[in-house]
Amino acid sequence: LNLNEEYICFTNLSDHPVDMTGWHVHHKPDTWYNFPVFILDAGASVRLHSGREVDTATDLYWGSEEAIWRDIHDSAYLYSADGKLMDEYSW
């Protein structure tokens, strides 16, 4: 299993950059990813991979040793640095 092939994608649909520093993705009660210092440019996308690598402007890495998004009924919740729910997605 290649954990770097397992990812979710975030796209900034606004016309201005978004500072995602301190934002976090919540998957399950004990499963969180905290964004590093990170700016998502207008119209840009970033993939959040389950595995480990060096972060880039288009790819971030959770650093997990196991699959994060392996369940049939998964959900992801995106929160801003101040704790506001910004987006959610279930599949």
C-alpha atoms as a PDB file:
ATOM      1  CA  LEU A   1       0.000   0.000   0.000  1.00  0.00           C
ATOM      2  CA  ASN A   2       1.477   3.325  -1.089  1.00  0.00           C
ATOM      3  CA  LEU A   3       0.127   5.899   1.370  1.00  0.00           C
ATOM      4  CA  ASN A   4       1.234   8.744  -0.889  1.00  0.00           C
ATOM      5  CA  GLU A   5      -1.327   7.604  -3.469  1.00  0.00           C
ATOM      6  CA  GLU A   6      -4.085   8.074  -0.890  1.00  0.00           C
ATOM      7  CA  TYR A   7      -5.043  11.740  -0.591  1.00  0.00           C
ATOM      8  CA  ILE A   8      -7.772  14.346  -0.399  1.00  0.00           C
ATOM      9  CA  CYS A   9      -7.658  17.565  -2.390  1.00  0.00           C
ATOM     10  CA  PHE A  10      -8.503  21.136  -1.379  1.00  0.00           C
ATOM     11  CA  THR A  11      -9.125  23.857  -3.973  1.00  0.00           C
ATOM     12  CA  ASN A  12      -9.309  27.582  -3.298  1.00  0.00           C
ATOM     13  CA  LEU A  13     -12.293  28.730  -5.362  1.00  0.00           C
ATOM     14  CA  SER A  14     -11.956  32.359  -4.276  1.00  0.00           C
ATOM     15  CA  ASP A  15     -10.154  35.145  -6.102  1.00  0.00           C
ATOM     16  CA  HIS A  16      -7.659  35.789  -3.296  1.00  0.00           C
ATOM     17  CA  PRO A  17      -5.025  33.696  -1.468  1.00  0.00           C
ATOM     18  CA  VAL A  18      -6.051  31.951   1.750  1.00  0.00           C
ATOM     19  CA  ASP A  19      -3.655  31.653   4.681  1.00  0.00           C
ATOM     20  CA  MET A  20      -4.276  28.094   5.916  1.00  0.00           C
ATOM     21  CA  THR A  21      -1.620  28.265   8.636  1.00  0.00           C
ATOM     22  CA  GLY A  22      -3.063  26.599  11.727  1.00  0.00           C
ATOM     23  CA  TRP A  23      -6.060  25.158   9.893  1.00  0.00           C
ATOM     24  CA  HIS A  24      -6.756  21.488  10.506  1.00  0.00           C
ATOM     25  CA  VAL A  25      -8.472  18.490   8.979  1.00  0.00           C
ATOM     26  CA  HIS A  26     -10.493  16.308  11.298  1.00  0.00           C
ATOM     27  CA  HIS A  27     -11.184  12.745  10.255  1.00  0.00           C
ATOM     28  CA  LYS A  28     -12.098  10.811  13.396  1.00  0.00           C
ATOM     29  CA  PRO A  29     -12.083  11.919  17.048  1.00  0.00           C
ATOM     30  CA  ASP A  30      -8.391  11.099  17.440  1.00  0.00           C
ATOM     31  CA  THR A  31      -7.259  11.774  13.864  1.00  0.00           C
ATOM     32  CA  TRP A  32      -6.215  15.353  13.050  1.00  0.00           C
ATOM     33  CA  TYR A  33      -3.875  16.979  10.561  1.00  0.00           C
ATOM     34  CA  ASN A  34      -2.610  20.486  11.332  1.00  0.00           C
ATOM     35  CA  PHE A  35      -1.574  22.620   8.368  1.00  0.00           C
ATOM     36  CA  PRO A  36       1.939  24.054   8.569  1.00  0.00           C
ATOM     37  CA  VAL A  37       2.647  27.651   7.525  1.00  0.00           C
ATOM     38  CA  PHE A  38       0.782  27.477   4.226  1.00  0.00           C
ATOM     39  CA  ILE A  39      -0.804  29.873   1.729  1.00  0.00           C
ATOM     40  CA  LEU A  40      -3.208  28.440  -0.865  1.00  0.00           C
ATOM     41  CA  ASP A  41      -3.246  30.779  -3.851  1.00  0.00           C
ATOM     42  CA  ALA A  42      -6.471  31.788  -5.601  1.00  0.00           C
ATOM     43  CA  GLY A  43      -7.593  29.004  -7.931  1.00  0.00           C
ATOM     44  CA  ALA A  44      -4.877  26.647  -6.665  1.00  0.00           C
ATOM     45  CA  SER A  45      -5.252  23.141  -5.243  1.00  0.00           C
ATOM     46  CA  VAL A  46      -3.287  21.174  -2.675  1.00  0.00           C
ATOM     47  CA  ARG A  47      -3.370  17.424  -2.056  1.00  0.00           C
ATOM     48  CA  LEU A  48      -3.073  16.094   1.492  1.00  0.00           C
ATOM     49  CA  HIS A  49      -1.481  12.640   1.286  1.00  0.00           C
ATOM     50  CA  SER A  50      -1.674  10.060   4.070  1.00  0.00           C
ATOM     51  CA  GLY A  51       2.008   9.111   3.852  1.00  0.00           C
ATOM     52  CA  ARG A  52       5.358  10.785   4.431  1.00  0.00           C
ATOM     53  CA  GLU A  53       7.357  13.063   2.126  1.00  0.00           C
ATOM     54  CA  VAL A  54       8.574  16.641   2.047  1.00  0.00           C
ATOM     55  CA  ASP A  55       5.731  19.194   1.807  1.00  0.00           C
ATOM     56  CA  THR A  56       5.515  21.310  -1.350  1.00  0.00           C
ATOM     57  CA  ALA A  57       3.187  24.053  -2.616  1.00  0.00           C
ATOM     58  CA  THR A  58       0.915  21.397  -4.189  1.00  0.00           C
ATOM     59  CA  ASP A  59       1.380  18.380  -1.902  1.00  0.00           C
ATOM     60  CA  LEU A  60       1.239  18.086   1.881  1.00  0.00           C
ATOM     61  CA  TYR A  61       1.858  14.894   3.870  1.00  0.00           C
ATOM     62  CA  TRP A  62      -0.004  13.690   6.968  1.00  0.00           C
ATOM     63  CA  GLY A  63       2.913  11.496   8.050  1.00  0.00           C
ATOM     64  CA  SER A  64       0.748   8.498   8.883  1.00  0.00           C
ATOM     65  CA  GLU A  65       2.033   4.933   9.018  1.00  0.00           C
ATOM     66  CA  GLU A  66      -1.386   3.602   7.948  1.00  0.00           C
ATOM     67  CA  ALA A  67      -4.214   4.538   5.606  1.00  0.00           C
ATOM     68  CA  ILE A  68      -6.388   7.431   6.750  1.00  0.00           C
ATOM     69  CA  TRP A  69      -9.126   7.280   4.112  1.00  0.00           C
ATOM     70  CA  ARG A  70      -9.736   3.538   3.995  1.00  0.00           C
ATOM     71  CA  ASP A  71     -13.357   3.241   5.085  1.00  0.00           C
ATOM     72  CA  ILE A  72     -16.378   3.107   2.804  1.00  0.00           C
ATOM     73  CA  HIS A  73     -18.171   5.878   4.717  1.00  0.00           C
ATOM     74  CA  ASP A  74     -15.372   8.368   5.393  1.00  0.00           C
ATOM     75  CA  SER A  75     -15.673  12.053   6.154  1.00  0.00           C
ATOM     76  CA  ALA A  76     -13.259  14.967   6.239  1.00  0.00           C
ATOM     77  CA  TYR A  77     -13.898  18.238   8.066  1.00  0.00           C
ATOM     78  CA  LEU A  78     -11.799  21.338   7.382  1.00  0.00           C
ATOM     79  CA  TYR A  79     -11.528  23.896  10.199  1.00  0.00           C
ATOM     80  CA  SER A  80      -9.947  27.350  10.125  1.00  0.00           C
ATOM     81  CA  ALA A  81      -7.325  28.346  12.694  1.00  0.00           C
ATOM     82  CA  ASP A  82     -10.061  29.895  14.865  1.00  0.00           C
ATOM     83  CA  GLY A  83     -12.092  26.649  14.866  1.00  0.00           C
ATOM     84  CA  LYS A  84     -14.749  27.570  12.293  1.00  0.00           C
ATOM     85  CA  LEU A  85     -15.947  24.679  10.119  1.00  0.00           C
ATOM     86  CA  MET A  86     -15.004  25.765   6.590  1.00  0.00           C
ATOM     87  CA  ASP A  87     -15.952  22.660   4.603  1.00  0.00           C
ATOM     88  CA  GLU A  88     -16.884  19.022   4.977  1.00  0.00           C
ATOM     89  CA  TYR A  89     -17.072  16.115   2.610  1.00  0.00           C
ATOM     90  CA  SER A  90     -18.273  12.521   2.994  1.00  0.00           C
ATOM     91  CA  TRP A  91     -18.019   9.577   0.626  1.00  0.00           C
END
